């Protein structure tokens, strides 16, 4: 059934009407631009303090400030599923040192929102892919006897539509990662959306639902306790943070690969020299062991790429998720 909710950066959802109202409000607010000669760097996290993008931005902040030789200010500009933060970036001049740290809801939301106001491949400048966040398909260990993908697919085929899977909200990356699994496996299950990953995880652990996709960092304590069992990693290759969990791809779903990522965007028309300056600063920052360790503690894997690679991944995933959204019948709202 189609939902009137839009994916939010922290895994929740938001109505389209409220999203557009918030965008209208920010569009009428006075601009806060970085003037020529002002060396302040704005790092916008379009989500609340403590969220994934906020933690990534704050982890990078000291190293970027040192490398760039300028103060880096992290700003939480929330609202409208991250669109208010993107609106702020869209209004920045090409010479402004203003950036947004954003997840791959950037490439999902255009498929589930009719009035998505940006062309993400043209309205911003891709600076770098920053980190990836491995995900894992898990089951409630007490309710589901399957121990691998083949056994789980057989179980789903024997009970078409009988098992329930949860998500962090309709149209979120956790939802679509599971839909991708069902599509690749040729099986059916019933979707139960929750308001964010934490309520969904609680329902999974409590047995209200049988399975779902979680970030590896959120799932690991419950895998260790035995409350949940991993069916397979969603990554294309085994992840270094959990090398003992086989991927779904290596278990027979050859075309399956789903991964959450965080990328850095700058304003449209940003000078290539400025892009290189910031990218070089990111390379230097990510080379520091304490930065890598802190990101690992947050469940992130450093995946720093070039601006060209970031643009390619954004373009690829826009097409990938748009096709999946259409195939599983999610109607844009």
C-alpha atoms as a PDB file:
ATOM      1  CA  UNK A   1       0.000   0.000   0.000  1.00  0.00           C
ATOM      2  CA  UNK A   2       1.349   3.407  -0.903  1.00  0.00           C
ATOM      3  CA  UNK A   3       2.297   5.698   1.948  1.00  0.00           C
ATOM      4  CA  UNK A   4       2.105   9.476   2.260  1.00  0.00           C
ATOM      5  CA  UNK A   5       5.417   9.472   4.066  1.00  0.00           C
ATOM      6  CA  UNK A   6       8.824  10.487   2.738  1.00  0.00           C
ATOM      7  CA  UNK A   7      12.137   9.001   3.862  1.00  0.00           C
ATOM      8  CA  UNK A   8      14.015  11.047   6.451  1.00  0.00           C
ATOM      9  CA  UNK A   9      17.795  11.116   6.983  1.00  0.00           C
ATOM     10  CA  UNK A  10      17.602   9.459  10.391  1.00  0.00           C
ATOM     11  CA  UNK A  11      15.405   6.639   9.110  1.00  0.00           C
ATOM     12  CA  UNK A  12      12.062   8.249   9.953  1.00  0.00           C
ATOM     13  CA  UNK A  13       9.502   9.712   7.590  1.00  0.00           C
ATOM     14  CA  UNK A  14       7.739  12.974   6.855  1.00  0.00           C
ATOM     15  CA  UNK A  15       4.578  14.026   5.053  1.00  0.00           C
ATOM     16  CA  UNK A  16       4.997  15.692   1.648  1.00  0.00           C
ATOM     17  CA  UNK A  17       2.760  18.625   2.678  1.00  0.00           C
ATOM     18  CA  UNK A  18       4.915  19.434   5.694  1.00  0.00           C
ATOM     19  CA  UNK A  19       8.086  19.008   3.641  1.00  0.00           C
ATOM     20  CA  UNK A  20       6.926  21.576   1.097  1.00  0.00           C
ATOM     21  CA  UNK A  21       5.784  23.964   3.821  1.00  0.00           C
ATOM     22  CA  UNK A  22       9.187  23.827   5.484  1.00  0.00           C
ATOM     23  CA  UNK A  23      10.928  24.426   2.156  1.00  0.00           C
ATOM     24  CA  UNK A  24       8.724  27.453   1.510  1.00  0.00           C
ATOM     25  CA  UNK A  25       9.610  28.824   4.932  1.00  0.00           C
ATOM     26  CA  UNK A  26      13.352  28.441   4.461  1.00  0.00           C
ATOM     27  CA  UNK A  27      13.097  29.903   0.967  1.00  0.00           C
ATOM     28  CA  UNK A  28      11.740  33.134   2.411  1.00  0.00           C
ATOM     29  CA  UNK A  29      14.409  33.417   5.107  1.00  0.00           C
ATOM     30  CA  UNK A  30      17.326  35.843   4.649  1.00  0.00           C
ATOM     31  CA  UNK A  31      20.438  34.310   3.103  1.00  0.00           C
ATOM     32  CA  UNK A  32      23.464  33.707   5.288  1.00  0.00           C
ATOM     33  CA  UNK A  33      26.322  33.666   2.768  1.00  0.00           C
ATOM     34  CA  UNK A  34      30.029  33.326   3.323  1.00  0.00           C
ATOM     35  CA  UNK A  35      31.599  36.492   1.957  1.00  0.00           C
ATOM     36  CA  UNK A  36      34.696  36.539  -0.219  1.00  0.00           C
ATOM     37  CA  UNK A  37      37.689  36.580   2.064  1.00  0.00           C
ATOM     38  CA  UNK A  38      35.799  35.079   4.990  1.00  0.00           C
ATOM     39  CA  UNK A  39      37.541  31.761   5.578  1.00  0.00           C
ATOM     40  CA  UNK A  40      34.767  30.155   7.624  1.00  0.00           C
ATOM     41  CA  UNK A  41      33.656  26.758   6.303  1.00  0.00           C
ATOM     42  CA  UNK A  42      30.038  25.696   6.884  1.00  0.00           C
ATOM     43  CA  UNK A  43      29.473  21.954   7.241  1.00  0.00           C
ATOM     44  CA  UNK A  44      25.722  21.355   7.242  1.00  0.00           C
ATOM     45  CA  UNK A  45      24.280  18.197   8.768  1.00  0.00           C
ATOM     46  CA  UNK A  46      20.631  18.150   7.604  1.00  0.00           C
ATOM     47  CA  UNK A  47      19.578  16.081  10.605  1.00  0.00           C
ATOM     48  CA  UNK A  48      19.452  16.251  14.379  1.00  0.00           C
ATOM     49  CA  UNK A  49      22.475  16.150  16.726  1.00  0.00           C
ATOM     50  CA  UNK A  50      23.639  12.591  17.280  1.00  0.00           C
ATOM     51  CA  UNK A  51      22.405  11.356  13.886  1.00  0.00           C
ATOM     52  CA  UNK A  52      24.727   9.620  11.443  1.00  0.00           C
ATOM     53  CA  UNK A  53      25.435  12.668   9.298  1.00  0.00           C
ATOM     54  CA  UNK A  54      25.931  14.839  12.370  1.00  0.00           C
ATOM     55  CA  UNK A  55      28.440  12.406  13.878  1.00  0.00           C
ATOM     56  CA  UNK A  56      30.316  12.136  10.594  1.00  0.00           C
ATOM     57  CA  UNK A  57      30.490  15.914  10.236  1.00  0.00           C
ATOM     58  CA  UNK A  58      31.696  16.438  13.802  1.00  0.00           C
ATOM     59  CA  UNK A  59      34.298  13.691  13.506  1.00  0.00           C
ATOM     60  CA  UNK A  60      35.747  15.372  10.414  1.00  0.00           C
ATOM     61  CA  UNK A  61      35.477  18.929  11.769  1.00  0.00           C
ATOM     62  CA  UNK A  62      38.781  19.235  13.697  1.00  0.00           C
ATOM     63  CA  UNK A  63      40.919  17.639  10.987  1.00  0.00           C
ATOM     64  CA  UNK A  64      39.360  19.724   8.221  1.00  0.00           C
ATOM     65  CA  UNK A  65      39.830  22.894  10.225  1.00  0.00           C
ATOM     66  CA  UNK A  66      43.503  22.111  10.811  1.00  0.00           C
ATOM     67  CA  UNK A  67      44.166  21.124   7.202  1.00  0.00           C
ATOM     68  CA  UNK A  68      42.252  24.007   5.640  1.00  0.00           C
ATOM     69  CA  UNK A  69      43.629  26.500   8.137  1.00  0.00           C
ATOM     70  CA  UNK A  70      40.156  27.894   8.737  1.00  0.00           C
ATOM     71  CA  UNK A  71      37.366  27.439  11.285  1.00  0.00           C
ATOM     72  CA  UNK A  72      34.883  24.737  10.309  1.00  0.00           C
ATOM     73  CA  UNK A  73      31.416  25.184  11.778  1.00  0.00           C
ATOM     74  CA  UNK A  74      28.982  22.260  11.904  1.00  0.00           C
ATOM     75  CA  UNK A  75      25.355  23.392  11.597  1.00  0.00           C
ATOM     76  CA  UNK A  76      22.331  21.183  12.138  1.00  0.00           C
ATOM     77  CA  UNK A  77      19.740  22.453   9.665  1.00  0.00           C
ATOM     78  CA  UNK A  78      16.881  20.005   9.959  1.00  0.00           C
ATOM     79  CA  UNK A  79      13.478  19.573   8.401  1.00  0.00           C
ATOM     80  CA  UNK A  80      11.655  18.186   5.385  1.00  0.00           C
ATOM     81  CA  UNK A  81      13.617  14.922   5.218  1.00  0.00           C
ATOM     82  CA  UNK A  82      16.905  16.789   4.834  1.00  0.00           C
ATOM     83  CA  UNK A  83      15.557  19.083   2.116  1.00  0.00           C
ATOM     84  CA  UNK A  84      15.911  22.215   4.247  1.00  0.00           C
ATOM     85  CA  UNK A  85      19.638  21.559   4.516  1.00  0.00           C
ATOM     86  CA  UNK A  86      19.827  20.991   0.763  1.00  0.00           C
ATOM     87  CA  UNK A  87      17.838  24.182   0.177  1.00  0.00           C
ATOM     88  CA  UNK A  88      20.441  26.085   2.189  1.00  0.00           C
ATOM     89  CA  UNK A  89      23.185  24.651   0.001  1.00  0.00           C
ATOM     90  CA  UNK A  90      21.219  25.376  -3.175  1.00  0.00           C
ATOM     91  CA  UNK A  91      21.055  29.054  -2.206  1.00  0.00           C
ATOM     92  CA  UNK A  92      24.797  29.289  -1.585  1.00  0.00           C
ATOM     93  CA  UNK A  93      27.026  31.009  -4.138  1.00  0.00           C
ATOM     94  CA  UNK A  94      29.617  28.879  -5.981  1.00  0.00           C
ATOM     95  CA  UNK A  95      32.360  30.705  -4.069  1.00  0.00           C
ATOM     96  CA  UNK A  96      30.834  29.982  -0.660  1.00  0.00           C
ATOM     97  CA  UNK A  97      32.617  27.362   1.403  1.00  0.00           C
ATOM     98  CA  UNK A  98      29.295  25.725   2.284  1.00  0.00           C
ATOM     99  CA  UNK A  99      28.812  21.959   2.216  1.00  0.00           C
ATOM    100  CA  UNK A 100      26.199  19.368   3.120  1.00  0.00           C
ATOM    101  CA  UNK A 101      26.965  15.957   4.603  1.00  0.00           C
ATOM    102  CA  UNK A 102      24.133  13.744   3.402  1.00  0.00           C
ATOM    103  CA  UNK A 103      23.131  10.091   3.204  1.00  0.00           C
ATOM    104  CA  UNK A 104      21.866   8.150   0.222  1.00  0.00           C
ATOM    105  CA  UNK A 105      18.311   9.184   1.032  1.00  0.00           C
ATOM    106  CA  UNK A 106      19.496  11.846  -1.421  1.00  0.00           C
ATOM    107  CA  UNK A 107      18.985   9.318  -4.227  1.00  0.00           C
ATOM    108  CA  UNK A 108      15.944   7.558  -2.769  1.00  0.00           C
ATOM    109  CA  UNK A 109      13.677  10.505  -1.947  1.00  0.00           C
ATOM    110  CA  UNK A 110      13.339  11.637  -5.602  1.00  0.00           C
ATOM    111  CA  UNK A 111      11.661   8.291  -6.302  1.00  0.00           C
ATOM    112  CA  UNK A 112       9.119   8.519  -3.465  1.00  0.00           C
ATOM    113  CA  UNK A 113       8.337  12.248  -3.542  1.00  0.00           C
ATOM    114  CA  UNK A 114       6.487  13.741  -6.500  1.00  0.00           C
ATOM    115  CA  UNK A 115       7.619  17.287  -5.896  1.00  0.00           C
ATOM    116  CA  UNK A 116      11.296  16.689  -5.128  1.00  0.00           C
ATOM    117  CA  UNK A 117      12.703  20.167  -5.852  1.00  0.00           C
ATOM    118  CA  UNK A 118      16.245  19.353  -6.992  1.00  0.00           C
ATOM    119  CA  UNK A 119      18.115  17.565  -9.728  1.00  0.00           C
ATOM    120  CA  UNK A 120      20.820  16.105  -7.521  1.00  0.00           C
ATOM    121  CA  UNK A 121      23.165  15.473 -10.442  1.00  0.00           C
ATOM    122  CA  UNK A 122      23.069  19.102 -11.596  1.00  0.00           C
ATOM    123  CA  UNK A 123      22.092  21.336  -8.669  1.00  0.00           C
ATOM    124  CA  UNK A 124      25.096  20.528  -6.452  1.00  0.00           C
ATOM    125  CA  UNK A 125      28.807  19.756  -6.753  1.00  0.00           C
ATOM    126  CA  UNK A 126      29.901  16.303  -5.610  1.00  0.00           C
ATOM    127  CA  UNK A 127      33.088  16.665  -3.556  1.00  0.00           C
ATOM    128  CA  UNK A 128      33.625  13.151  -2.212  1.00  0.00           C
ATOM    129  CA  UNK A 129      31.999   9.968  -1.038  1.00  0.00           C
ATOM    130  CA  UNK A 130      32.955   9.895   2.657  1.00  0.00           C
ATOM    131  CA  UNK A 131      31.937   6.659   4.360  1.00  0.00           C
ATOM    132  CA  UNK A 132      29.767   3.635   3.814  1.00  0.00           C
ATOM    133  CA  UNK A 133      27.548   2.096   6.489  1.00  0.00           C
ATOM    134  CA  UNK A 134      27.312  -1.687   6.127  1.00  0.00           C
ATOM    135  CA  UNK A 135      23.872  -3.245   6.536  1.00  0.00           C
ATOM    136  CA  UNK A 136      22.846  -6.795   7.328  1.00  0.00           C
ATOM    137  CA  UNK A 137      19.672  -8.819   6.806  1.00  0.00           C
ATOM    138  CA  UNK A 138      18.718 -10.310  10.168  1.00  0.00           C
ATOM    139  CA  UNK A 139      15.993 -12.533  11.600  1.00  0.00           C
ATOM    140  CA  UNK A 140      14.555 -13.022  15.062  1.00  0.00           C
ATOM    141  CA  UNK A 141      16.524 -16.078  16.189  1.00  0.00           C
ATOM    142  CA  UNK A 142      13.702 -17.494  18.308  1.00  0.00           C
ATOM    143  CA  UNK A 143      11.023 -17.221  15.601  1.00  0.00           C
ATOM    144  CA  UNK A 144      12.995 -18.043  12.454  1.00  0.00           C
ATOM    145  CA  UNK A 145      15.008 -21.279  12.300  1.00  0.00           C
ATOM    146  CA  UNK A 146      16.825 -20.394   9.044  1.00  0.00           C
ATOM    147  CA  UNK A 147      20.580 -19.992   9.397  1.00  0.00           C
ATOM    148  CA  UNK A 148      21.509 -18.802   5.906  1.00  0.00           C
ATOM    149  CA  UNK A 149      20.006 -17.238   2.812  1.00  0.00           C
ATOM    150  CA  UNK A 150      19.049 -20.518   1.122  1.00  0.00           C
ATOM    151  CA  UNK A 151      17.186 -21.792   4.183  1.00  0.00           C
ATOM    152  CA  UNK A 152      15.479 -18.435   4.690  1.00  0.00           C
ATOM    153  CA  UNK A 153      14.359 -18.199   1.058  1.00  0.00           C
ATOM    154  CA  UNK A 154      12.955 -21.739   1.272  1.00  0.00           C
ATOM    155  CA  UNK A 155      11.035 -20.733   4.414  1.00  0.00           C
ATOM    156  CA  UNK A 156       9.619 -17.631   2.721  1.00  0.00           C
ATOM    157  CA  UNK A 157       8.600 -19.673  -0.325  1.00  0.00           C
ATOM    158  CA  UNK A 158       6.813 -22.187   1.898  1.00  0.00           C
ATOM    159  CA  UNK A 159       4.825 -19.396   3.580  1.00  0.00           C
ATOM    160  CA  UNK A 160       4.228 -16.730   0.903  1.00  0.00           C
ATOM    161  CA  UNK A 161       3.259 -13.417   2.479  1.00  0.00           C
ATOM    162  CA  UNK A 162       3.030 -14.917   5.980  1.00  0.00           C
ATOM    163  CA  UNK A 163       6.218 -13.473   7.491  1.00  0.00           C
ATOM    164  CA  UNK A 164       6.514  -9.818   8.489  1.00  0.00           C
ATOM    165  CA  UNK A 165       9.518  -7.586   7.943  1.00  0.00           C
ATOM    166  CA  UNK A 166      10.074  -4.195   9.480  1.00  0.00           C
ATOM    167  CA  UNK A 167      11.729  -1.021   8.300  1.00  0.00           C
ATOM    168  CA  UNK A 168      12.642   2.418   9.578  1.00  0.00           C
ATOM    169  CA  UNK A 169       9.857   3.895   7.446  1.00  0.00           C
ATOM    170  CA  UNK A 170       8.381   3.609   3.978  1.00  0.00           C
ATOM    171  CA  UNK A 171      10.957   4.443   1.323  1.00  0.00           C
ATOM    172  CA  UNK A 172      13.996   4.438   3.616  1.00  0.00           C
ATOM    173  CA  UNK A 173      17.216   2.671   2.697  1.00  0.00           C
ATOM    174  CA  UNK A 174      16.508  -0.049   5.306  1.00  0.00           C
ATOM    175  CA  UNK A 175      13.119  -0.646   3.685  1.00  0.00           C
ATOM    176  CA  UNK A 176      14.452  -0.772   0.135  1.00  0.00           C
ATOM    177  CA  UNK A 177      17.369  -3.016   1.073  1.00  0.00           C
ATOM    178  CA  UNK A 178      14.851  -5.641   2.236  1.00  0.00           C
ATOM    179  CA  UNK A 179      12.594  -5.096  -0.772  1.00  0.00           C
ATOM    180  CA  UNK A 180      15.643  -5.684  -2.969  1.00  0.00           C
ATOM    181  CA  UNK A 181      16.288  -8.985  -1.211  1.00  0.00           C
ATOM    182  CA  UNK A 182      12.673 -10.125  -1.661  1.00  0.00           C
ATOM    183  CA  UNK A 183      12.746  -9.124  -5.318  1.00  0.00           C
ATOM    184  CA  UNK A 184      16.040 -10.902  -6.025  1.00  0.00           C
ATOM    185  CA  UNK A 185      14.885 -14.023  -4.175  1.00  0.00           C
ATOM    186  CA  UNK A 186      11.439 -14.031  -5.814  1.00  0.00           C
ATOM    187  CA  UNK A 187       9.569 -14.239  -2.499  1.00  0.00           C
ATOM    188  CA  UNK A 188       6.864 -12.280  -0.683  1.00  0.00           C
ATOM    189  CA  UNK A 189       6.516 -10.905   2.845  1.00  0.00           C
ATOM    190  CA  UNK A 190       4.440  -8.248   4.590  1.00  0.00           C
ATOM    191  CA  UNK A 191       6.002  -4.847   5.292  1.00  0.00           C
ATOM    192  CA  UNK A 192       5.511  -3.190   8.693  1.00  0.00           C
ATOM    193  CA  UNK A 193       6.998   0.356   8.685  1.00  0.00           C
ATOM    194  CA  UNK A 194       8.162   1.937  11.952  1.00  0.00           C
ATOM    195  CA  UNK A 195       9.109   5.494  12.840  1.00  0.00           C
ATOM    196  CA  UNK A 196      12.859   5.049  12.716  1.00  0.00           C
ATOM    197  CA  UNK A 197      15.404   2.232  13.084  1.00  0.00           C
ATOM    198  CA  UNK A 198      15.258   1.972  16.882  1.00  0.00           C
ATOM    199  CA  UNK A 199      11.522   1.115  17.140  1.00  0.00           C
ATOM    200  CA  UNK A 200      11.954  -1.306  14.257  1.00  0.00           C
ATOM    201  CA  UNK A 201      14.897  -3.013  15.971  1.00  0.00           C
ATOM    202  CA  UNK A 202      12.924  -3.252  19.231  1.00  0.00           C
ATOM    203  CA  UNK A 203      10.011  -4.897  17.402  1.00  0.00           C
ATOM    204  CA  UNK A 204      12.386  -7.336  15.725  1.00  0.00           C
ATOM    205  CA  UNK A 205      14.072  -8.293  18.983  1.00  0.00           C
ATOM    206  CA  UNK A 206      10.685  -8.559  20.695  1.00  0.00           C
ATOM    207  CA  UNK A 207       9.308 -10.890  18.030  1.00  0.00           C
ATOM    208  CA  UNK A 208       6.572  -8.607  16.683  1.00  0.00           C
ATOM    209  CA  UNK A 209       8.201  -9.024  13.253  1.00  0.00           C
ATOM    210  CA  UNK A 210      10.342 -11.851  11.906  1.00  0.00           C
ATOM    211  CA  UNK A 211      13.057 -10.093   9.922  1.00  0.00           C
ATOM    212  CA  UNK A 212      14.452  -6.883   8.487  1.00  0.00           C
ATOM    213  CA  UNK A 213      17.587  -4.987   7.527  1.00  0.00           C
ATOM    214  CA  UNK A 214      19.627  -3.067  10.101  1.00  0.00           C
ATOM    215  CA  UNK A 215      22.918  -1.243  10.054  1.00  0.00           C
ATOM    216  CA  UNK A 216      25.629  -3.633  11.151  1.00  0.00           C
ATOM    217  CA  UNK A 217      26.552  -1.425  14.112  1.00  0.00           C
ATOM    218  CA  UNK A 218      22.961  -1.538  15.403  1.00  0.00           C
ATOM    219  CA  UNK A 219      22.606  -5.262  14.816  1.00  0.00           C
ATOM    220  CA  UNK A 220      25.923  -6.458  16.262  1.00  0.00           C
ATOM    221  CA  UNK A 221      25.069  -6.349  20.010  1.00  0.00           C
ATOM    222  CA  UNK A 222      21.940  -8.413  19.330  1.00  0.00           C
ATOM    223  CA  UNK A 223      23.812 -10.827  17.085  1.00  0.00           C
ATOM    224  CA  UNK A 224      26.283 -11.381  19.914  1.00  0.00           C
ATOM    225  CA  UNK A 225      23.488 -11.859  22.465  1.00  0.00           C
ATOM    226  CA  UNK A 226      21.752 -14.401  20.232  1.00  0.00           C
ATOM    227  CA  UNK A 227      18.508 -12.426  19.963  1.00  0.00           C
ATOM    228  CA  UNK A 228      19.076 -11.906  16.231  1.00  0.00           C
ATOM    229  CA  UNK A 229      20.738 -14.060  13.585  1.00  0.00           C
ATOM    230  CA  UNK A 230      22.483 -12.729  10.493  1.00  0.00           C
ATOM    231  CA  UNK A 231      21.230 -14.142   7.198  1.00  0.00           C
ATOM    232  CA  UNK A 232      23.683 -12.176   5.104  1.00  0.00           C
ATOM    233  CA  UNK A 233      25.570  -8.942   4.702  1.00  0.00           C
ATOM    234  CA  UNK A 234      24.011  -6.535   2.210  1.00  0.00           C
ATOM    235  CA  UNK A 235      27.369  -5.314   0.912  1.00  0.00           C
ATOM    236  CA  UNK A 236      28.759  -6.423  -2.442  1.00  0.00           C
ATOM    237  CA  UNK A 237      31.807  -7.895  -0.677  1.00  0.00           C
ATOM    238  CA  UNK A 238      32.353  -9.020   2.914  1.00  0.00           C
ATOM    239  CA  UNK A 239      32.964  -6.064   5.165  1.00  0.00           C
ATOM    240  CA  UNK A 240      36.135  -5.753   7.210  1.00  0.00           C
ATOM    241  CA  UNK A 241      34.142  -4.980  10.362  1.00  0.00           C
ATOM    242  CA  UNK A 242      32.319  -8.344  10.205  1.00  0.00           C
ATOM    243  CA  UNK A 243      34.262 -10.625   7.842  1.00  0.00           C
ATOM    244  CA  UNK A 244      32.570 -13.755   9.217  1.00  0.00           C
ATOM    245  CA  UNK A 245      29.148 -12.756   7.830  1.00  0.00           C
ATOM    246  CA  UNK A 246      28.789 -13.945   4.223  1.00  0.00           C
ATOM    247  CA  UNK A 247      27.176 -11.576   1.767  1.00  0.00           C
ATOM    248  CA  UNK A 248      23.792 -12.267   0.207  1.00  0.00           C
ATOM    249  CA  UNK A 249      25.515 -12.050  -3.180  1.00  0.00           C
ATOM    250  CA  UNK A 250      27.888 -14.919  -2.417  1.00  0.00           C
ATOM    251  CA  UNK A 251      24.925 -16.986  -1.176  1.00  0.00           C
ATOM    252  CA  UNK A 252      23.292 -17.029  -4.587  1.00  0.00           C
ATOM    253  CA  UNK A 253      21.768 -13.560  -5.013  1.00  0.00           C
ATOM    254  CA  UNK A 254      24.449 -12.483  -7.450  1.00  0.00           C
ATOM    255  CA  UNK A 255      22.897  -9.113  -8.332  1.00  0.00           C
ATOM    256  CA  UNK A 256      22.227  -8.076  -4.757  1.00  0.00           C
ATOM    257  CA  UNK A 257      24.141  -5.146  -3.250  1.00  0.00           C
ATOM    258  CA  UNK A 258      22.782  -2.478  -0.923  1.00  0.00           C
ATOM    259  CA  UNK A 259      24.824  -0.115   1.179  1.00  0.00           C
ATOM    260  CA  UNK A 260      24.121   3.098   3.009  1.00  0.00           C
ATOM    261  CA  UNK A 261      26.616   5.855   2.285  1.00  0.00           C
ATOM    262  CA  UNK A 262      27.407   9.406   3.305  1.00  0.00           C
ATOM    263  CA  UNK A 263      28.677  11.957   0.800  1.00  0.00           C
ATOM    264  CA  UNK A 264      29.815  15.584   0.796  1.00  0.00           C
ATOM    265  CA  UNK A 265      28.163  18.062  -1.568  1.00  0.00           C
ATOM    266  CA  UNK A 266      29.157  21.639  -2.348  1.00  0.00           C
ATOM    267  CA  UNK A 267      27.233  24.413  -4.114  1.00  0.00           C
ATOM    268  CA  UNK A 268      26.471  24.244  -7.818  1.00  0.00           C
ATOM    269  CA  UNK A 269      29.232  25.633 -10.032  1.00  0.00           C
ATOM    270  CA  UNK A 270      31.950  25.325  -7.389  1.00  0.00           C
ATOM    271  CA  UNK A 271      35.403  25.970  -8.839  1.00  0.00           C
ATOM    272  CA  UNK A 272      37.397  22.803  -9.491  1.00  0.00           C
ATOM    273  CA  UNK A 273      40.359  24.265  -7.601  1.00  0.00           C
ATOM    274  CA  UNK A 274      38.202  24.755  -4.496  1.00  0.00           C
ATOM    275  CA  UNK A 275      36.840  21.227  -4.848  1.00  0.00           C
ATOM    276  CA  UNK A 276      40.393  19.880  -4.991  1.00  0.00           C
ATOM    277  CA  UNK A 277      41.393  21.920  -1.942  1.00  0.00           C
ATOM    278  CA  UNK A 278      38.583  20.432   0.128  1.00  0.00           C
ATOM    279  CA  UNK A 279      39.144  16.936  -1.242  1.00  0.00           C
ATOM    280  CA  UNK A 280      42.847  17.119  -0.385  1.00  0.00           C
ATOM    281  CA  UNK A 281      41.885  18.190   3.131  1.00  0.00           C
ATOM    282  CA  UNK A 282      39.589  15.160   3.403  1.00  0.00           C
ATOM    283  CA  UNK A 283      42.411  12.853   2.277  1.00  0.00           C
ATOM    284  CA  UNK A 284      44.662  14.290   4.980  1.00  0.00           C
ATOM    285  CA  UNK A 285      41.921  14.058   7.609  1.00  0.00           C
ATOM    286  CA  UNK A 286      41.013  10.455   6.803  1.00  0.00           C
ATOM    287  CA  UNK A 287      44.682   9.445   6.966  1.00  0.00           C
ATOM    288  CA  UNK A 288      44.672  10.056  10.732  1.00  0.00           C
ATOM    289  CA  UNK A 289      44.194   6.766  12.652  1.00  0.00           C
ATOM    290  CA  UNK A 290      42.076   8.394  15.356  1.00  0.00           C
ATOM    291  CA  UNK A 291      39.595   9.585  12.723  1.00  0.00           C
ATOM    292  CA  UNK A 292      39.296   6.111  11.215  1.00  0.00           C
ATOM    293  CA  UNK A 293      38.863   4.604  14.685  1.00  0.00           C
ATOM    294  CA  UNK A 294      36.168   7.085  15.654  1.00  0.00           C
ATOM    295  CA  UNK A 295      34.244   6.458  12.440  1.00  0.00           C
ATOM    296  CA  UNK A 296      34.597   2.694  12.957  1.00  0.00           C
ATOM    297  CA  UNK A 297      33.116   3.100  16.439  1.00  0.00           C
ATOM    298  CA  UNK A 298      30.135   4.782  14.774  1.00  0.00           C
ATOM    299  CA  UNK A 299      29.686   1.808  12.443  1.00  0.00           C
ATOM    300  CA  UNK A 300      31.108   3.566   9.387  1.00  0.00           C
ATOM    301  CA  UNK A 301      33.767   2.371   6.968  1.00  0.00           C
ATOM    302  CA  UNK A 302      35.980   4.968   5.306  1.00  0.00           C
ATOM    303  CA  UNK A 303      35.164   4.976   1.606  1.00  0.00           C
ATOM    304  CA  UNK A 304      36.788   8.170   0.390  1.00  0.00           C
ATOM    305  CA  UNK A 305      36.584   8.572  -3.360  1.00  0.00           C
ATOM    306  CA  UNK A 306      37.218  11.242  -5.953  1.00  0.00           C
ATOM    307  CA  UNK A 307      34.582  13.798  -6.974  1.00  0.00           C
ATOM    308  CA  UNK A 308      34.152  11.865 -10.224  1.00  0.00           C
ATOM    309  CA  UNK A 309      33.527   8.631  -8.336  1.00  0.00           C
ATOM    310  CA  UNK A 310      31.004  10.360  -6.074  1.00  0.00           C
ATOM    311  CA  UNK A 311      29.110  11.697  -9.104  1.00  0.00           C
ATOM    312  CA  UNK A 312      29.095   8.239 -10.678  1.00  0.00           C
ATOM    313  CA  UNK A 313      27.740   6.565  -7.519  1.00  0.00           C
ATOM    314  CA  UNK A 314      25.012   9.189  -7.131  1.00  0.00           C
ATOM    315  CA  UNK A 315      23.949   8.784 -10.780  1.00  0.00           C
ATOM    316  CA  UNK A 316      24.051   4.991 -10.545  1.00  0.00           C
ATOM    317  CA  UNK A 317      21.993   4.814  -7.359  1.00  0.00           C
ATOM    318  CA  UNK A 318      19.404   7.314  -8.600  1.00  0.00           C
ATOM    319  CA  UNK A 319      18.617   4.925 -11.443  1.00  0.00           C
ATOM    320  CA  UNK A 320      18.931   1.802  -9.289  1.00  0.00           C
ATOM    321  CA  UNK A 321      16.506   2.921  -6.582  1.00  0.00           C
ATOM    322  CA  UNK A 322      14.064   4.565  -8.991  1.00  0.00           C
ATOM    323  CA  UNK A 323      13.758   1.228 -10.825  1.00  0.00           C
ATOM    324  CA  UNK A 324      13.345  -0.704  -7.560  1.00  0.00           C
ATOM    325  CA  UNK A 325      10.727   1.733  -6.217  1.00  0.00           C
ATOM    326  CA  UNK A 326       8.723   1.342  -9.421  1.00  0.00           C
ATOM    327  CA  UNK A 327       9.102  -2.441  -9.473  1.00  0.00           C
ATOM    328  CA  UNK A 328       7.857  -2.957  -5.899  1.00  0.00           C
ATOM    329  CA  UNK A 329       4.961  -0.560  -6.418  1.00  0.00           C
ATOM    330  CA  UNK A 330       5.818   2.365  -4.156  1.00  0.00           C
ATOM    331  CA  UNK A 331       3.938   5.352  -5.546  1.00  0.00           C
ATOM    332  CA  UNK A 332       5.503   8.838  -5.242  1.00  0.00           C
ATOM    333  CA  UNK A 333       3.562  11.044  -2.832  1.00  0.00           C
END
